[in-house]
Amino acid sequence: MFQPQFEKKILDGVKTSTIRKRAHPPGEKSLRVWTGKPYRSKQRQFALAHFALPIQVSISHMFIRFSDGQTTMTEHGANSIAKQEGFEHYGEMVAWFRETHGLPFDGYFHIFSLI
């Protein structure tokens, strides 16, 4: 489920990925939003995840583990992923993760497409 604050960015094609606590097999993870009040309304599916890579988000760095090894993202790379996640820059993304999940955050970076 996505928080409502991200829905417009997703539908406008600004947010094209999501970072989640768990990995889901490609094509098996549908991305949804509540159509009204959470748990009291229907869910609307609007995207499908394609793959997931292990990721760590912290104040000072971002690691992504590709099949050929772990990569520390450069400042430019971290900012690019933050924009893909719907944030203006990495600092804004870090602040959101700190408040929402705590840091460091270990999870999975999912790329998705609208359906």
PDB file of N, CA and C in Angstrom:
ATOM      1  N   MET A   1       0.835  -1.176   0.000  1.00  0.00           N
ATOM      2  CA  MET A   1       0.000   0.000   0.000  1.00  0.00           C
ATOM      3  C   MET A   1       0.880   1.240   0.000  1.00  0.00           C
ATOM      4  N   PHE A   2       0.465   2.233  -0.725  1.00  0.00           N
ATOM      5  CA  PHE A   2       1.173   3.508  -0.774  1.00  0.00           C
ATOM      6  C   PHE A   2       0.470   4.524   0.103  1.00  0.00           C
ATOM      7  N   GLN A   3       1.237   5.429   0.671  1.00  0.00           N
ATOM      8  CA  GLN A   3       0.646   6.539   1.391  1.00  0.00           C
ATOM      9  C   GLN A   3       0.038   7.481   0.363  1.00  0.00           C
ATOM     10  N   PRO A   4      -1.103   8.080   0.662  1.00  0.00           N
ATOM     11  CA  PRO A   4      -1.793   8.946  -0.298  1.00  0.00           C
ATOM     12  C   PRO A   4      -0.923  10.080  -0.847  1.00  0.00           C
ATOM     13  N   GLN A   5       0.049  10.548  -0.077  1.00  0.00           N
ATOM     14  CA  GLN A   5       0.904  11.648  -0.529  1.00  0.00           C
ATOM     15  C   GLN A   5       1.702  11.305  -1.780  1.00  0.00           C
ATOM     16  N   PHE A   6       1.878  10.012  -2.076  1.00  0.00           N
ATOM     17  CA  PHE A   6       2.675   9.605  -3.229  1.00  0.00           C
ATOM     18  C   PHE A   6       1.848   9.289  -4.470  1.00  0.00           C
ATOM     19  N   GLU A   7       0.534   9.157  -4.331  1.00  0.00           N
ATOM     20  CA  GLU A   7      -0.300   8.702  -5.451  1.00  0.00           C
ATOM     21  C   GLU A   7      -0.187   9.591  -6.687  1.00  0.00           C
ATOM     22  N   LYS A   8      -0.286  10.896  -6.544  1.00  0.00           N
ATOM     23  CA  LYS A   8      -0.212  11.787  -7.702  1.00  0.00           C
ATOM     24  C   LYS A   8       1.152  11.680  -8.394  1.00  0.00           C
ATOM     25  N   LYS A   9       2.233  11.606  -7.615  1.00  0.00           N
ATOM     26  CA  LYS A   9       3.571  11.486  -8.198  1.00  0.00           C
ATOM     27  C   LYS A   9       3.715  10.177  -8.966  1.00  0.00           C
ATOM     28  N   ILE A  10       3.079   9.128  -8.484  1.00  0.00           N
ATOM     29  CA  ILE A  10       3.121   7.843  -9.178  1.00  0.00           C
ATOM     30  C   ILE A  10       2.340   7.935 -10.482  1.00  0.00           C
ATOM     31  N   LEU A  11       1.121   8.434 -10.401  1.00  0.00           N
ATOM     32  CA  LEU A  11       0.278   8.518 -11.594  1.00  0.00           C
ATOM     33  C   LEU A  11       0.832   9.490 -12.633  1.00  0.00           C
ATOM     34  N   ASP A  12       1.575  10.511 -12.193  1.00  0.00           N
ATOM     35  CA  ASP A  12       2.214  11.462 -13.114  1.00  0.00           C
ATOM     36  C   ASP A  12       3.535  10.938 -13.676  1.00  0.00           C
ATOM     37  N   GLY A  13       3.973   9.752 -13.219  1.00  0.00           N
ATOM     38  CA  GLY A  13       5.214   9.168 -13.721  1.00  0.00           C
ATOM     39  C   GLY A  13       6.475   9.727 -13.079  1.00  0.00           C
ATOM     40  N   VAL A  14       6.335  10.484 -11.983  1.00  0.00           N
ATOM     41  CA  VAL A  14       7.495  11.030 -11.277  1.00  0.00           C
ATOM     42  C   VAL A  14       8.103   9.968 -10.367  1.00  0.00           C
ATOM     43  N   LYS A  15       7.271   9.263  -9.625  1.00  0.00           N
ATOM     44  CA  LYS A  15       7.724   8.191  -8.727  1.00  0.00           C
ATOM     45  C   LYS A  15       7.578   6.872  -9.471  1.00  0.00           C
ATOM     46  N   THR A  16       8.714   6.236  -9.785  1.00  0.00           N
ATOM     47  CA  THR A  16       8.701   5.000 -10.584  1.00  0.00           C
ATOM     48  C   THR A  16       9.315   3.824  -9.832  1.00  0.00           C
ATOM     49  N   SER A  17       9.528   4.001  -8.532  1.00  0.00           N
ATOM     50  CA  SER A  17      10.086   2.927  -7.719  1.00  0.00           C
ATOM     51  C   SER A  17       9.545   3.060  -6.309  1.00  0.00           C
ATOM     52  N   THR A  18       9.792   2.030  -5.517  1.00  0.00           N
ATOM     53  CA  THR A  18       9.417   2.074  -4.113  1.00  0.00           C
ATOM     54  C   THR A  18      10.430   1.280  -3.314  1.00  0.00           C
ATOM     55  N   ILE A  19      10.686   1.708  -2.103  1.00  0.00           N
ATOM     56  CA  ILE A  19      11.588   0.996  -1.204  1.00  0.00           C
ATOM     57  C   ILE A  19      10.726   0.404  -0.104  1.00  0.00           C
ATOM     58  N   ARG A  20      10.804  -0.912   0.035  1.00  0.00           N
ATOM     59  CA  ARG A  20       9.962  -1.636   0.987  1.00  0.00           C
ATOM     60  C   ARG A  20      10.831  -2.500   1.897  1.00  0.00           C
ATOM     61  N   LYS A  21      10.280  -2.894   3.016  1.00  0.00           N
ATOM     62  CA  LYS A  21      11.001  -3.719   3.985  1.00  0.00           C
ATOM     63  C   LYS A  21      11.271  -5.114   3.437  1.00  0.00           C
ATOM     64  N   ARG A  22      10.338  -5.662   2.671  1.00  0.00           N
ATOM     65  CA  ARG A  22      10.488  -7.032   2.153  1.00  0.00           C
ATOM     66  C   ARG A  22      10.593  -7.035   0.632  1.00  0.00           C
ATOM     67  N   ALA A  23      11.267  -8.053   0.123  1.00  0.00           N
ATOM     68  CA  ALA A  23      11.351  -8.245  -1.327  1.00  0.00           C
ATOM     69  C   ALA A  23      10.164  -9.082  -1.771  1.00  0.00           C
ATOM     70  N   HIS A  24       9.686  -8.806  -2.954  1.00  0.00           N
ATOM     71  CA  HIS A  24       8.588  -9.570  -3.529  1.00  0.00           C
ATOM     72  C   HIS A  24       9.037 -10.073  -4.892  1.00  0.00           C
ATOM     73  N   PRO A  25       8.669 -11.297  -5.256  1.00  0.00           N
ATOM     74  CA  PRO A  25       9.073 -11.833  -6.556  1.00  0.00           C
ATOM     75  C   PRO A  25       8.569 -10.952  -7.694  1.00  0.00           C
ATOM     76  N   PRO A  26       9.365 -10.818  -8.771  1.00  0.00           N
ATOM     77  CA  PRO A  26       8.950  -9.984  -9.912  1.00  0.00           C
ATOM     78  C   PRO A  26       7.577 -10.388 -10.427  1.00  0.00           C
ATOM     79  N   GLY A  27       6.764  -9.389 -10.713  1.00  0.00           N
ATOM     80  CA  GLY A  27       5.444  -9.623 -11.282  1.00  0.00           C
ATOM     81  C   GLY A  27       4.398 -10.075 -10.282  1.00  0.00           C
ATOM     82  N   GLU A  28       4.805 -10.415  -9.064  1.00  0.00           N
ATOM     83  CA  GLU A  28       3.850 -10.902  -8.079  1.00  0.00           C
ATOM     84  C   GLU A  28       3.401  -9.829  -7.106  1.00  0.00           C
ATOM     85  N   LYS A  29       4.051  -8.686  -7.105  1.00  0.00           N
ATOM     86  CA  LYS A  29       3.715  -7.627  -6.153  1.00  0.00           C
ATOM     87  C   LYS A  29       2.911  -6.552  -6.864  1.00  0.00           C
ATOM     88  N   SER A  30       1.645  -6.458  -6.532  1.00  0.00           N
ATOM     89  CA  SER A  30       0.842  -5.378  -7.077  1.00  0.00           C
ATOM     90  C   SER A  30       0.868  -4.226  -6.092  1.00  0.00           C
ATOM     91  N   LEU A  31       0.893  -3.018  -6.601  1.00  0.00           N
ATOM     92  CA  LEU A  31       0.947  -1.831  -5.768  1.00  0.00           C
ATOM     93  C   LEU A  31      -0.437  -1.210  -5.741  1.00  0.00           C
ATOM     94  N   ARG A  32      -0.905  -0.893  -4.530  1.00  0.00           N
ATOM     95  CA  ARG A  32      -2.292  -0.475  -4.359  1.00  0.00           C
ATOM     96  C   ARG A  32      -2.383   0.758  -3.466  1.00  0.00           C
ATOM     97  N   VAL A  33      -3.525   1.419  -3.552  1.00  0.00           N
ATOM     98  CA  VAL A  33      -3.887   2.502  -2.635  1.00  0.00           C
ATOM     99  C   VAL A  33      -5.317   2.239  -2.176  1.00  0.00           C
ATOM    100  N   TRP A  34      -5.655   2.776  -1.018  1.00  0.00           N
ATOM    101  CA  TRP A  34      -7.028   2.717  -0.539  1.00  0.00           C
ATOM    102  C   TRP A  34      -7.858   3.713  -1.344  1.00  0.00           C
ATOM    103  N   THR A  35      -9.084   3.360  -1.659  1.00  0.00           N
ATOM    104  CA  THR A  35      -9.956   4.280  -2.387  1.00  0.00           C
ATOM    105  C   THR A  35     -10.644   5.258  -1.444  1.00  0.00           C
ATOM    106  N   GLY A  36     -10.585   4.981  -0.164  1.00  0.00           N
ATOM    107  CA  GLY A  36     -11.189   5.849   0.852  1.00  0.00           C
ATOM    108  C   GLY A  36     -10.434   5.685   2.150  1.00  0.00           C
ATOM    109  N   LYS A  37     -11.177   5.473   3.232  1.00  0.00           N
ATOM    110  CA  LYS A  37     -10.553   5.296   4.542  1.00  0.00           C
ATOM    111  C   LYS A  37      -9.788   3.974   4.592  1.00  0.00           C
ATOM    112  N   PRO A  38      -8.541   3.990   5.098  1.00  0.00           N
ATOM    113  CA  PRO A  38      -7.772   2.740   5.200  1.00  0.00           C
ATOM    114  C   PRO A  38      -8.526   1.675   5.997  1.00  0.00           C
ATOM    115  N   TYR A  39      -8.493   0.461   5.494  1.00  0.00           N
ATOM    116  CA  TYR A  39      -9.113  -0.718   6.093  1.00  0.00           C
ATOM    117  C   TYR A  39     -10.641  -0.673   6.077  1.00  0.00           C
ATOM    118  N   ARG A  40     -11.229   0.403   5.586  1.00  0.00           N
ATOM    119  CA  ARG A  40     -12.688   0.517   5.529  1.00  0.00           C
ATOM    120  C   ARG A  40     -13.168   0.764   4.100  1.00  0.00           C
ATOM    121  N   SER A  41     -12.240   0.719   3.170  1.00  0.00           N
ATOM    122  CA  SER A  41     -12.600   0.955   1.773  1.00  0.00           C
ATOM    123  C   SER A  41     -11.896  -0.084   0.896  1.00  0.00           C
ATOM    124  N   LYS A  42     -12.281  -0.093  -0.361  1.00  0.00           N
ATOM    125  CA  LYS A  42     -11.653  -1.006  -1.313  1.00  0.00           C
ATOM    126  C   LYS A  42     -10.257  -0.514  -1.656  1.00  0.00           C
ATOM    127  N   GLN A  43      -9.454  -1.436  -2.170  1.00  0.00           N
ATOM    128  CA  GLN A  43      -8.115  -1.104  -2.646  1.00  0.00           C
ATOM    129  C   GLN A  43      -8.135  -1.035  -4.167  1.00  0.00           C
ATOM    130  N   ARG A  44      -7.342  -0.121  -4.723  1.00  0.00           N
ATOM    131  CA  ARG A  44      -7.225   0.005  -6.169  1.00  0.00           C
ATOM    132  C   ARG A  44      -5.790  -0.337  -6.557  1.00  0.00           C
ATOM    133  N   GLN A  45      -5.639  -1.348  -7.413  1.00  0.00           N
ATOM    134  CA  GLN A  45      -4.319  -1.746  -7.913  1.00  0.00           C
ATOM    135  C   GLN A  45      -3.965  -0.845  -9.085  1.00  0.00           C
ATOM    136  N   PHE A  46      -2.743  -0.328  -9.119  1.00  0.00           N
ATOM    137  CA  PHE A  46      -2.379   0.559 -10.214  1.00  0.00           C
ATOM    138  C   PHE A  46      -0.988   0.314 -10.772  1.00  0.00           C
ATOM    139  N   ALA A  47      -0.209  -0.572 -10.170  1.00  0.00           N
ATOM    140  CA  ALA A  47       1.143  -0.814 -10.674  1.00  0.00           C
ATOM    141  C   ALA A  47       1.574  -2.222 -10.331  1.00  0.00           C
ATOM    142  N   LEU A  48       2.639  -2.676 -11.008  1.00  0.00           N
ATOM    143  CA  LEU A  48       3.182  -4.011 -10.810  1.00  0.00           C
ATOM    144  C   LEU A  48       4.695  -3.904 -10.679  1.00  0.00           C
ATOM    145  N   ALA A  49       5.253  -4.502  -9.626  1.00  0.00           N
ATOM    146  CA  ALA A  49       6.706  -4.466  -9.403  1.00  0.00           C
ATOM    147  C   ALA A  49       7.396  -5.442 -10.354  1.00  0.00           C
ATOM    148  N   HIS A  50       8.590  -5.056 -10.828  1.00  0.00           N
ATOM    149  CA  HIS A  50       9.324  -5.887 -11.776  1.00  0.00           C
ATOM    150  C   HIS A  50      10.518  -6.607 -11.166  1.00  0.00           C
ATOM    151  N   PHE A  51      11.263  -5.956 -10.275  1.00  0.00           N
ATOM    152  CA  PHE A  51      12.379  -6.613  -9.596  1.00  0.00           C
ATOM    153  C   PHE A  51      12.692  -5.873  -8.317  1.00  0.00           C
ATOM    154  N   ALA A  52      13.482  -6.517  -7.459  1.00  0.00           N
ATOM    155  CA  ALA A  52      13.845  -5.916  -6.174  1.00  0.00           C
ATOM    156  C   ALA A  52      15.324  -6.125  -5.913  1.00  0.00           C
ATOM    157  N   LEU A  53      15.996  -5.066  -5.445  1.00  0.00           N
ATOM    158  CA  LEU A  53      17.404  -5.138  -5.078  1.00  0.00           C
ATOM    159  C   LEU A  53      17.540  -4.735  -3.614  1.00  0.00           C
ATOM    160  N   PRO A  54      18.384  -5.431  -2.835  1.00  0.00           N
ATOM    161  CA  PRO A  54      18.613  -5.017  -1.452  1.00  0.00           C
ATOM    162  C   PRO A  54      19.166  -3.592  -1.406  1.00  0.00           C
ATOM    163  N   ILE A  55      18.698  -2.808  -0.436  1.00  0.00           N
ATOM    164  CA  ILE A  55      19.119  -1.417  -0.309  1.00  0.00           C
ATOM    165  C   ILE A  55      19.232  -1.061   1.176  1.00  0.00           C
ATOM    166  N   GLN A  56      20.150  -0.148   1.466  1.00  0.00           N
ATOM    167  CA  GLN A  56      20.236   0.430   2.807  1.00  0.00           C
ATOM    168  C   GLN A  56      20.260   1.942   2.658  1.00  0.00           C
ATOM    169  N   VAL A  57      19.408   2.608   3.423  1.00  0.00           N
ATOM    170  CA  VAL A  57      19.351   4.066   3.441  1.00  0.00           C
ATOM    171  C   VAL A  57      19.802   4.518   4.819  1.00  0.00           C
ATOM    172  N   SER A  58      20.796   5.413   4.859  1.00  0.00           N
ATOM    173  CA  SER A  58      21.231   5.989   6.124  1.00  0.00           C
ATOM    174  C   SER A  58      21.481   7.479   5.912  1.00  0.00           C
ATOM    175  N   ILE A  59      21.845   8.169   6.964  1.00  0.00           N
ATOM    176  CA  ILE A  59      22.078   9.602   6.869  1.00  0.00           C
ATOM    177  C   ILE A  59      23.187   9.923   5.878  1.00  0.00           C
ATOM    178  N   SER A  60      24.261   9.147   5.909  1.00  0.00           N
ATOM    179  CA  SER A  60      25.444   9.498   5.116  1.00  0.00           C
ATOM    180  C   SER A  60      25.607   8.737   3.804  1.00  0.00           C
ATOM    181  N   HIS A  61      24.864   7.666   3.604  1.00  0.00           N
ATOM    182  CA  HIS A  61      25.079   6.873   2.388  1.00  0.00           C
ATOM    183  C   HIS A  61      23.853   6.034   2.023  1.00  0.00           C
ATOM    184  N   MET A  62      23.907   5.524   0.797  1.00  0.00           N
ATOM    185  CA  MET A  62      22.916   4.581   0.306  1.00  0.00           C
ATOM    186  C   MET A  62      23.695   3.443  -0.348  1.00  0.00           C
ATOM    187  N   PHE A  63      23.398   2.210   0.056  1.00  0.00           N
ATOM    188  CA  PHE A  63      23.991   1.027  -0.569  1.00  0.00           C
ATOM    189  C   PHE A  63      22.903   0.319  -1.356  1.00  0.00           C
ATOM    190  N   ILE A  64      23.251  -0.151  -2.554  1.00  0.00           N
ATOM    191  CA  ILE A  64      22.369  -1.045  -3.311  1.00  0.00           C
ATOM    192  C   ILE A  64      23.201  -2.260  -3.678  1.00  0.00           C
ATOM    193  N   ARG A  65      22.665  -3.448  -3.434  1.00  0.00           N
ATOM    194  CA  ARG A  65      23.394  -4.676  -3.744  1.00  0.00           C
ATOM    195  C   ARG A  65      22.919  -5.210  -5.086  1.00  0.00           C
ATOM    196  N   PHE A  66      23.769  -5.052  -6.092  1.00  0.00           N
ATOM    197  CA  PHE A  66      23.496  -5.597  -7.419  1.00  0.00           C
ATOM    198  C   PHE A  66      23.986  -7.034  -7.452  1.00  0.00           C
ATOM    199  N   SER A  67      23.641  -7.781  -8.493  1.00  0.00           N
ATOM    200  CA  SER A  67      24.028  -9.194  -8.570  1.00  0.00           C
ATOM    201  C   SER A  67      25.544  -9.368  -8.569  1.00  0.00           C
ATOM    202  N   ASP A  68      26.285  -8.355  -9.023  1.00  0.00           N
ATOM    203  CA  ASP A  68      27.744  -8.468  -9.056  1.00  0.00           C
ATOM    204  C   ASP A  68      28.421  -7.836  -7.833  1.00  0.00           C
ATOM    205  N   GLY A  69      27.663  -7.455  -6.819  1.00  0.00           N
ATOM    206  CA  GLY A  69      28.245  -6.913  -5.597  1.00  0.00           C
ATOM    207  C   GLY A  69      27.530  -5.672  -5.100  1.00  0.00           C
ATOM    208  N   GLN A  70      27.965  -5.190  -3.915  1.00  0.00           N
ATOM    209  CA  GLN A  70      27.355  -4.023  -3.280  1.00  0.00           C
ATOM    210  C   GLN A  70      27.960  -2.739  -3.819  1.00  0.00           C
ATOM    211  N   THR A  71      27.144  -1.746  -4.032  1.00  0.00           N
ATOM    212  CA  THR A  71      27.594  -0.455  -4.542  1.00  0.00           C
ATOM    213  C   THR A  71      27.148   0.651  -3.591  1.00  0.00           C
ATOM    214  N   THR A  72      28.095   1.491  -3.221  1.00  0.00           N
ATOM    215  CA  THR A  72      27.746   2.699  -2.481  1.00  0.00           C
ATOM    216  C   THR A  72      27.407   3.742  -3.517  1.00  0.00           C
ATOM    217  N   MET A  73      26.223   4.304  -3.411  1.00  0.00           N
ATOM    218  CA  MET A  73      25.792   5.290  -4.391  1.00  0.00           C
ATOM    219  C   MET A  73      26.545   6.603  -4.187  1.00  0.00           C
ATOM    220  N   THR A  74      26.906   7.235  -5.279  1.00  0.00           N
ATOM    221  CA  THR A  74      27.488   8.568  -5.209  1.00  0.00           C
ATOM    222  C   THR A  74      26.387   9.548  -4.811  1.00  0.00           C
ATOM    223  N   GLU A  75      26.760  10.766  -4.510  1.00  0.00           N
ATOM    224  CA  GLU A  75      25.761  11.785  -4.173  1.00  0.00           C
ATOM    225  C   GLU A  75      24.782  11.966  -5.328  1.00  0.00           C
ATOM    226  N   HIS A  76      25.302  11.980  -6.551  1.00  0.00           N
ATOM    227  CA  HIS A  76      24.445  12.123  -7.727  1.00  0.00           C
ATOM    228  C   HIS A  76      23.493  10.927  -7.844  1.00  0.00           C
ATOM    229  N   GLY A  77      24.017   9.719  -7.657  1.00  0.00           N
ATOM    230  CA  GLY A  77      23.181   8.518  -7.739  1.00  0.00           C
ATOM    231  C   GLY A  77      22.107   8.483  -6.669  1.00  0.00           C
ATOM    232  N   ALA A  78      22.483   8.867  -5.438  1.00  0.00           N
ATOM    233  CA  ALA A  78      21.511   8.891  -4.341  1.00  0.00           C
ATOM    234  C   ALA A  78      20.426   9.929  -4.612  1.00  0.00           C
ATOM    235  N   ASN A  79      20.808  11.085  -5.139  1.00  0.00           N
ATOM    236  CA  ASN A  79      19.817  12.109  -5.479  1.00  0.00           C
ATOM    237  C   ASN A  79      18.905  11.638  -6.604  1.00  0.00           C
ATOM    238  N   SER A  80      19.461  10.908  -7.576  1.00  0.00           N
ATOM    239  CA  SER A  80      18.641  10.380  -8.681  1.00  0.00           C
ATOM    240  C   SER A  80      17.603   9.391  -8.166  1.00  0.00           C
ATOM    241  N   ILE A  81      18.020   8.512  -7.273  1.00  0.00           N
ATOM    242  CA  ILE A  81      17.064   7.551  -6.713  1.00  0.00           C
ATOM    243  C   ILE A  81      16.035   8.276  -5.864  1.00  0.00           C
ATOM    244  N   ALA A  82      16.457   9.278  -5.101  1.00  0.00           N
ATOM    245  CA  ALA A  82      15.502  10.057  -4.294  1.00  0.00           C
ATOM    246  C   ALA A  82      14.443  10.693  -5.191  1.00  0.00           C
ATOM    247  N   LYS A  83      14.854  11.249  -6.332  1.00  0.00           N
ATOM    248  CA  LYS A  83      13.887  11.844  -7.272  1.00  0.00           C
ATOM    249  C   LYS A  83      12.955  10.773  -7.822  1.00  0.00           C
ATOM    250  N   GLN A  84      13.505   9.603  -8.137  1.00  0.00           N
ATOM    251  CA  GLN A  84      12.702   8.485  -8.637  1.00  0.00           C
ATOM    252  C   GLN A  84      11.708   8.028  -7.573  1.00  0.00           C
ATOM    253  N   GLU A  85      12.052   8.234  -6.306  1.00  0.00           N
ATOM    254  CA  GLU A  85      11.183   7.878  -5.186  1.00  0.00           C
ATOM    255  C   GLU A  85      10.138   8.956  -4.886  1.00  0.00           C
ATOM    256  N   GLY A  86      10.224  10.098  -5.595  1.00  0.00           N
ATOM    257  CA  GLY A  86       9.237  11.152  -5.411  1.00  0.00           C
ATOM    258  C   GLY A  86       9.671  12.272  -4.485  1.00  0.00           C
ATOM    259  N   PHE A  87      10.961  12.315  -4.141  1.00  0.00           N
ATOM    260  CA  PHE A  87      11.496  13.368  -3.273  1.00  0.00           C
ATOM    261  C   PHE A  87      12.315  14.341  -4.115  1.00  0.00           C
ATOM    262  N   GLU A  88      12.572  15.528  -3.575  1.00  0.00           N
ATOM    263  CA  GLU A  88      13.366  16.535  -4.291  1.00  0.00           C
ATOM    264  C   GLU A  88      14.856  16.186  -4.303  1.00  0.00           C
ATOM    265  N   HIS A  89      15.344  15.586  -3.213  1.00  0.00           N
ATOM    266  CA  HIS A  89      16.775  15.249  -3.097  1.00  0.00           C
ATOM    267  C   HIS A  89      16.936  14.208  -1.983  1.00  0.00           C
ATOM    268  N   TYR A  90      18.159  13.659  -1.871  1.00  0.00           N
ATOM    269  CA  TYR A  90      18.423  12.596  -0.904  1.00  0.00           C
ATOM    270  C   TYR A  90      18.152  13.039   0.529  1.00  0.00           C
ATOM    271  N   GLY A  91      18.498  14.270   0.888  1.00  0.00           N
ATOM    272  CA  GLY A  91      18.261  14.761   2.240  1.00  0.00           C
ATOM    273  C   GLY A  91      16.793  14.703   2.631  1.00  0.00           C
ATOM    274  N   GLU A  92      15.911  15.048   1.707  1.00  0.00           N
ATOM    275  CA  GLU A  92      14.465  14.981   1.973  1.00  0.00           C
ATOM    276  C   GLU A  92      14.027  13.529   2.165  1.00  0.00           C
ATOM    277  N   MET A  93      14.571  12.634   1.341  1.00  0.00           N
ATOM    278  CA  MET A  93      14.241  11.222   1.460  1.00  0.00           C
ATOM    279  C   MET A  93      14.726  10.657   2.794  1.00  0.00           C
ATOM    280  N   VAL A  94      15.942  11.014   3.194  1.00  0.00           N
ATOM    281  CA  VAL A  94      16.491  10.554   4.471  1.00  0.00           C
ATOM    282  C   VAL A  94      15.619  11.027   5.631  1.00  0.00           C
ATOM    283  N   ALA A  95      15.200  12.286   5.594  1.00  0.00           N
ATOM    284  CA  ALA A  95      14.345  12.825   6.664  1.00  0.00           C
ATOM    285  C   ALA A  95      13.034  12.040   6.743  1.00  0.00           C
ATOM    286  N   TRP A  96      12.440  11.712   5.582  1.00  0.00           N
ATOM    287  CA  TRP A  96      11.190  10.950   5.565  1.00  0.00           C
ATOM    288  C   TRP A  96      11.408   9.550   6.145  1.00  0.00           C
ATOM    289  N   PHE A  97      12.495   8.868   5.714  1.00  0.00           N
ATOM    290  CA  PHE A  97      12.772   7.525   6.232  1.00  0.00           C
ATOM    291  C   PHE A  97      13.063   7.565   7.727  1.00  0.00           C
ATOM    292  N   ARG A  98      13.791   8.575   8.180  1.00  0.00           N
ATOM    293  CA  ARG A  98      14.107   8.684   9.607  1.00  0.00           C
ATOM    294  C   ARG A  98      12.821   8.781  10.423  1.00  0.00           C
ATOM    295  N   GLU A  99      11.898   9.618   9.987  1.00  0.00           N
ATOM    296  CA  GLU A  99      10.656   9.815  10.730  1.00  0.00           C
ATOM    297  C   GLU A  99       9.700   8.634  10.590  1.00  0.00           C
ATOM    298  N   THR A 100       9.639   8.041   9.406  1.00  0.00           N
ATOM    299  CA  THR A 100       8.665   6.992   9.136  1.00  0.00           C
ATOM    300  C   THR A 100       9.126   5.602   9.580  1.00  0.00           C
ATOM    301  N   HIS A 101      10.415   5.279   9.358  1.00  0.00           N
ATOM    302  CA  HIS A 101      10.905   3.918   9.618  1.00  0.00           C
ATOM    303  C   HIS A 101      12.094   3.853  10.570  1.00  0.00           C
ATOM    304  N   GLY A 102      12.801   4.952  10.755  1.00  0.00           N
ATOM    305  CA  GLY A 102      14.037   4.930  11.522  1.00  0.00           C
ATOM    306  C   GLY A 102      15.214   4.618  10.609  1.00  0.00           C
ATOM    307  N   LEU A 103      16.399   5.030  11.042  1.00  0.00           N
ATOM    308  CA  LEU A 103      17.617   4.821  10.249  1.00  0.00           C
ATOM    309  C   LEU A 103      18.656   4.066  11.064  1.00  0.00           C
ATOM    310  N   PRO A 104      19.512   3.282  10.428  1.00  0.00           N
ATOM    311  CA  PRO A 104      19.487   2.996   8.998  1.00  0.00           C
ATOM    312  C   PRO A 104      18.303   2.102   8.649  1.00  0.00           C
ATOM    313  N   PHE A 105      17.856   2.195   7.414  1.00  0.00           N
ATOM    314  CA  PHE A 105      16.742   1.395   6.933  1.00  0.00           C
ATOM    315  C   PHE A 105      17.275   0.366   5.947  1.00  0.00           C
ATOM    316  N   ASP A 106      17.036  -0.905   6.220  1.00  0.00           N
ATOM    317  CA  ASP A 106      17.408  -1.994   5.317  1.00  0.00           C
ATOM    318  C   ASP A 106      16.144  -2.537   4.689  1.00  0.00           C
ATOM    319  N   GLY A 107      16.118  -2.570   3.367  1.00  0.00           N
ATOM    320  CA  GLY A 107      14.938  -3.046   2.665  1.00  0.00           C
ATOM    321  C   GLY A 107      15.269  -3.419   1.233  1.00  0.00           C
ATOM    322  N   TYR A 108      14.285  -3.229   0.350  1.00  0.00           N
ATOM    323  CA  TYR A 108      14.427  -3.610  -1.057  1.00  0.00           C
ATOM    324  C   TYR A 108      13.910  -2.505  -1.953  1.00  0.00           C
ATOM    325  N   PHE A 109      14.658  -2.238  -2.988  1.00  0.00           N
ATOM    326  CA  PHE A 109      14.357  -1.216  -3.982  1.00  0.00           C
ATOM    327  C   PHE A 109      13.609  -1.893  -5.123  1.00  0.00           C
ATOM    328  N   HIS A 110      12.331  -1.551  -5.306  1.00  0.00           N
ATOM    329  CA  HIS A 110      11.475  -2.156  -6.340  1.00  0.00           C
ATOM    330  C   HIS A 110      11.231  -1.144  -7.462  1.00  0.00           C
ATOM    331  N   ILE A 111      11.411  -1.576  -8.698  1.00  0.00           N
ATOM    332  CA  ILE A 111      11.028  -0.794  -9.862  1.00  0.00           C
ATOM    333  C   ILE A 111       9.653  -1.280 -10.292  1.00  0.00           C
ATOM    334  N   PHE A 112       8.742  -0.366 -10.633  1.00  0.00           N
ATOM    335  CA  PHE A 112       7.406  -0.789 -11.028  1.00  0.00           C
ATOM    336  C   PHE A 112       6.942  -0.041 -12.280  1.00  0.00           C
ATOM    337  N   SER A 113       5.862  -0.545 -12.851  1.00  0.00           N
ATOM    338  CA  SER A 113       5.226   0.131 -13.978  1.00  0.00           C
ATOM    339  C   SER A 113       3.728   0.186 -13.718  1.00  0.00           C
ATOM    340  N   LEU A 114       3.110   1.241 -14.236  1.00  0.00           N
ATOM    341  CA  LEU A 114       1.672   1.397 -14.097  1.00  0.00           C
ATOM    342  C   LEU A 114       0.950   0.354 -14.941  1.00  0.00           C
ATOM    343  N   ILE A 115      -0.232  -0.049 -14.490  1.00  0.00           N
ATOM    344  CA  ILE A 115      -1.007  -1.025 -15.266  1.00  0.00           C
ATOM    345  C   ILE A 115      -2.315  -0.387 -15.699  1.00  0.00           C
TER     346      ILE A 115
END
